[in-house]
Amino acid sequence: MTYRCFTIMMIVLGFSGSASAAEPSLQALKEKCQAAREAKLGPEREALIQTCVKKEQKPEEECR
């Protein structure tokens, strides 16, 4: 009986350890999110800056 419990416990621990190792780290997820965010918002930001420069007659540095 003890051997069975030990075997089951080792199998469960083995699976739980490998599952956590396969998960991406929080830092990697943050970096991936930031890259996706910049890819989406970068062109929008540039368009808004150019609109500010043209409509408000301000220098680009001020619009940024």
N, C-alpha and C. Protein backbone atom coordinates (compact mmCIF):
# COMPACT_ATOMS: atom_id res chain seq x y z
N MET A 1 0.82 -1.18 0.00
CA MET A 1 0.00 0.00 0.00
C MET A 1 0.88 1.26 0.00
N THR A 2 1.89 1.29 0.83
CA THR A 2 2.79 2.44 0.91
C THR A 2 3.51 2.64 -0.41
N TYR A 3 3.91 1.55 -1.04
CA TYR A 3 4.60 1.64 -2.32
C TYR A 3 3.70 2.26 -3.38
N ARG A 4 2.42 1.87 -3.39
CA ARG A 4 1.46 2.43 -4.34
C ARG A 4 1.28 3.92 -4.13
N CYS A 5 1.10 4.34 -2.89
CA CYS A 5 0.95 5.76 -2.59
C CYS A 5 2.18 6.55 -3.02
N PHE A 6 3.35 5.99 -2.75
CA PHE A 6 4.59 6.64 -3.13
C PHE A 6 4.69 6.77 -4.65
N THR A 7 4.33 5.73 -5.37
CA THR A 7 4.38 5.74 -6.83
C THR A 7 3.41 6.78 -7.39
N ILE A 8 2.21 6.81 -6.87
CA ILE A 8 1.21 7.77 -7.34
C ILE A 8 1.68 9.19 -7.05
N MET A 9 2.24 9.40 -5.86
CA MET A 9 2.72 10.72 -5.49
C MET A 9 3.86 11.15 -6.42
N MET A 10 4.76 10.27 -6.76
CA MET A 10 5.87 10.59 -7.65
C MET A 10 5.37 10.93 -9.06
N ILE A 11 4.36 10.21 -9.52
CA ILE A 11 3.81 10.49 -10.84
C ILE A 11 3.15 11.86 -10.85
N VAL A 12 2.37 12.16 -9.84
CA VAL A 12 1.69 13.46 -9.75
C VAL A 12 2.71 14.59 -9.67
N LEU A 13 3.72 14.44 -8.84
CA LEU A 13 4.75 15.46 -8.72
C LEU A 13 5.53 15.63 -10.01
N GLY A 14 5.75 14.55 -10.71
CA GLY A 14 6.45 14.61 -11.98
C GLY A 14 5.67 15.41 -13.02
N PHE A 15 4.37 15.18 -13.09
CA PHE A 15 3.54 15.92 -14.03
C PHE A 15 3.43 17.39 -13.65
N SER A 16 3.28 17.68 -12.38
CA SER A 16 3.13 19.07 -11.98
C SER A 16 4.42 19.84 -12.20
N GLY A 17 5.56 19.23 -12.02
CA GLY A 17 6.83 19.89 -12.26
C GLY A 17 7.05 20.19 -13.72
N SER A 18 6.69 19.26 -14.59
CA SER A 18 6.90 19.49 -16.01
C SER A 18 5.91 20.51 -16.56
N ALA A 19 4.73 20.61 -15.99
CA ALA A 19 3.74 21.59 -16.45
C ALA A 19 4.20 23.00 -16.14
N SER A 20 4.77 23.20 -14.95
CA SER A 20 5.21 24.55 -14.60
C SER A 20 6.44 24.95 -15.41
N ALA A 21 7.27 23.99 -15.78
CA ALA A 21 8.46 24.30 -16.57
C ALA A 21 8.07 24.72 -17.99
N ALA A 22 6.94 24.22 -18.49
CA ALA A 22 6.50 24.54 -19.83
C ALA A 22 5.83 25.92 -19.90
N GLU A 23 5.39 26.46 -18.78
CA GLU A 23 4.74 27.75 -18.77
C GLU A 23 5.75 28.86 -19.03
N PRO A 24 5.40 29.83 -19.87
CA PRO A 24 6.33 30.94 -20.09
C PRO A 24 6.44 31.80 -18.83
N SER A 25 7.57 32.41 -18.67
CA SER A 25 7.77 33.24 -17.49
C SER A 25 6.95 34.52 -17.61
N LEU A 26 6.67 35.14 -16.50
CA LEU A 26 5.91 36.37 -16.48
C LEU A 26 6.63 37.46 -17.26
N GLN A 27 7.94 37.54 -17.12
CA GLN A 27 8.71 38.56 -17.84
C GLN A 27 8.61 38.35 -19.35
N ALA A 28 8.67 37.10 -19.80
CA ALA A 28 8.56 36.81 -21.23
C ALA A 28 7.18 37.22 -21.75
N LEU A 29 6.15 36.96 -20.97
CA LEU A 29 4.80 37.35 -21.37
C LEU A 29 4.66 38.87 -21.44
N LYS A 30 5.26 39.57 -20.47
CA LYS A 30 5.21 41.03 -20.48
C LYS A 30 5.90 41.60 -21.72
N GLU A 31 7.05 41.03 -22.06
CA GLU A 31 7.79 41.50 -23.24
C GLU A 31 7.00 41.24 -24.51
N LYS A 32 6.38 40.08 -24.60
CA LYS A 32 5.57 39.74 -25.77
C LYS A 32 4.38 40.69 -25.89
N CYS A 33 3.75 40.98 -24.78
CA CYS A 33 2.61 41.89 -24.75
C CYS A 33 3.03 43.30 -25.16
N GLN A 34 4.15 43.76 -24.65
CA GLN A 34 4.64 45.10 -24.98
C GLN A 34 4.97 45.21 -26.47
N ALA A 35 5.57 44.17 -27.04
CA ALA A 35 5.89 44.18 -28.47
C ALA A 35 4.61 44.23 -29.30
N ALA A 36 3.61 43.45 -28.92
CA ALA A 36 2.34 43.45 -29.65
C ALA A 36 1.64 44.80 -29.51
N ARG A 37 1.71 45.38 -28.34
CA ARG A 37 1.10 46.69 -28.09
C ARG A 37 1.75 47.76 -28.95
N GLU A 38 3.07 47.75 -29.00
CA GLU A 38 3.79 48.73 -29.79
C GLU A 38 3.50 48.56 -31.28
N ALA A 39 3.38 47.32 -31.74
CA ALA A 39 3.08 47.08 -33.15
C ALA A 39 1.71 47.64 -33.52
N LYS A 40 0.76 47.57 -32.61
CA LYS A 40 -0.58 48.08 -32.87
C LYS A 40 -0.65 49.60 -32.71
N LEU A 41 -0.04 50.13 -31.65
CA LEU A 41 -0.18 51.54 -31.33
C LEU A 41 0.84 52.46 -32.00
N GLY A 42 1.96 51.90 -32.42
CA GLY A 42 3.02 52.72 -33.03
C GLY A 42 2.54 53.53 -34.22
N PRO A 43 1.93 52.89 -35.22
CA PRO A 43 1.44 53.65 -36.38
C PRO A 43 0.36 54.67 -36.01
N GLU A 44 -0.50 54.31 -35.08
CA GLU A 44 -1.56 55.23 -34.61
C GLU A 44 -0.94 56.45 -33.94
N ARG A 45 0.07 56.23 -33.13
CA ARG A 45 0.75 57.32 -32.43
C ARG A 45 1.39 58.28 -33.44
N GLU A 46 2.06 57.71 -34.46
CA GLU A 46 2.72 58.54 -35.47
C GLU A 46 1.71 59.37 -36.25
N ALA A 47 0.56 58.79 -36.56
CA ALA A 47 -0.49 59.52 -37.28
C ALA A 47 -1.00 60.68 -36.43
N LEU A 48 -1.19 60.45 -35.15
CA LEU A 48 -1.65 61.53 -34.26
C LEU A 48 -0.61 62.64 -34.14
N ILE A 49 0.64 62.29 -34.12
CA ILE A 49 1.71 63.29 -34.05
C ILE A 49 1.71 64.14 -35.31
N GLN A 50 1.59 63.50 -36.46
CA GLN A 50 1.57 64.24 -37.72
C GLN A 50 0.34 65.14 -37.83
N THR A 51 -0.79 64.68 -37.32
CA THR A 51 -2.00 65.50 -37.30
C THR A 51 -1.78 66.73 -36.42
N CYS A 52 -1.16 66.54 -35.28
CA CYS A 52 -0.86 67.64 -34.37
C CYS A 52 0.05 68.66 -35.06
N VAL A 53 1.07 68.17 -35.74
CA VAL A 53 2.02 69.06 -36.42
C VAL A 53 1.30 69.89 -37.49
N LYS A 54 0.45 69.24 -38.27
CA LYS A 54 -0.21 69.93 -39.38
C LYS A 54 -1.31 70.87 -38.90
N LYS A 55 -2.18 70.40 -38.02
CA LYS A 55 -3.34 71.20 -37.61
C LYS A 55 -3.00 72.30 -36.61
N GLU A 56 -2.13 71.98 -35.69
CA GLU A 56 -1.83 72.94 -34.61
C GLU A 56 -0.56 73.74 -34.87
N GLN A 57 0.11 73.43 -36.00
CA GLN A 57 1.32 74.18 -36.38
C GLN A 57 2.37 74.17 -35.29
N LYS A 58 2.52 73.05 -34.63
CA LYS A 58 3.50 72.93 -33.55
C LYS A 58 4.69 72.09 -34.03
N PRO A 59 5.84 72.29 -33.41
CA PRO A 59 6.99 71.45 -33.75
C PRO A 59 6.71 69.98 -33.37
N GLU A 60 7.31 69.08 -34.11
CA GLU A 60 7.09 67.65 -33.86
C GLU A 60 7.48 67.25 -32.44
N GLU A 61 8.54 67.80 -31.91
CA GLU A 61 8.97 67.46 -30.54
C GLU A 61 7.90 67.81 -29.53
N GLU A 62 7.20 68.92 -29.73
CA GLU A 62 6.15 69.33 -28.82
C GLU A 62 4.93 68.40 -28.92
N CYS A 63 4.65 67.94 -30.11
CA CYS A 63 3.51 67.04 -30.31
C CYS A 63 3.77 65.66 -29.73
N ARG A 64 5.01 65.25 -29.69
CA ARG A 64 5.35 63.95 -29.13
C ARG A 64 5.10 64.00 -27.64
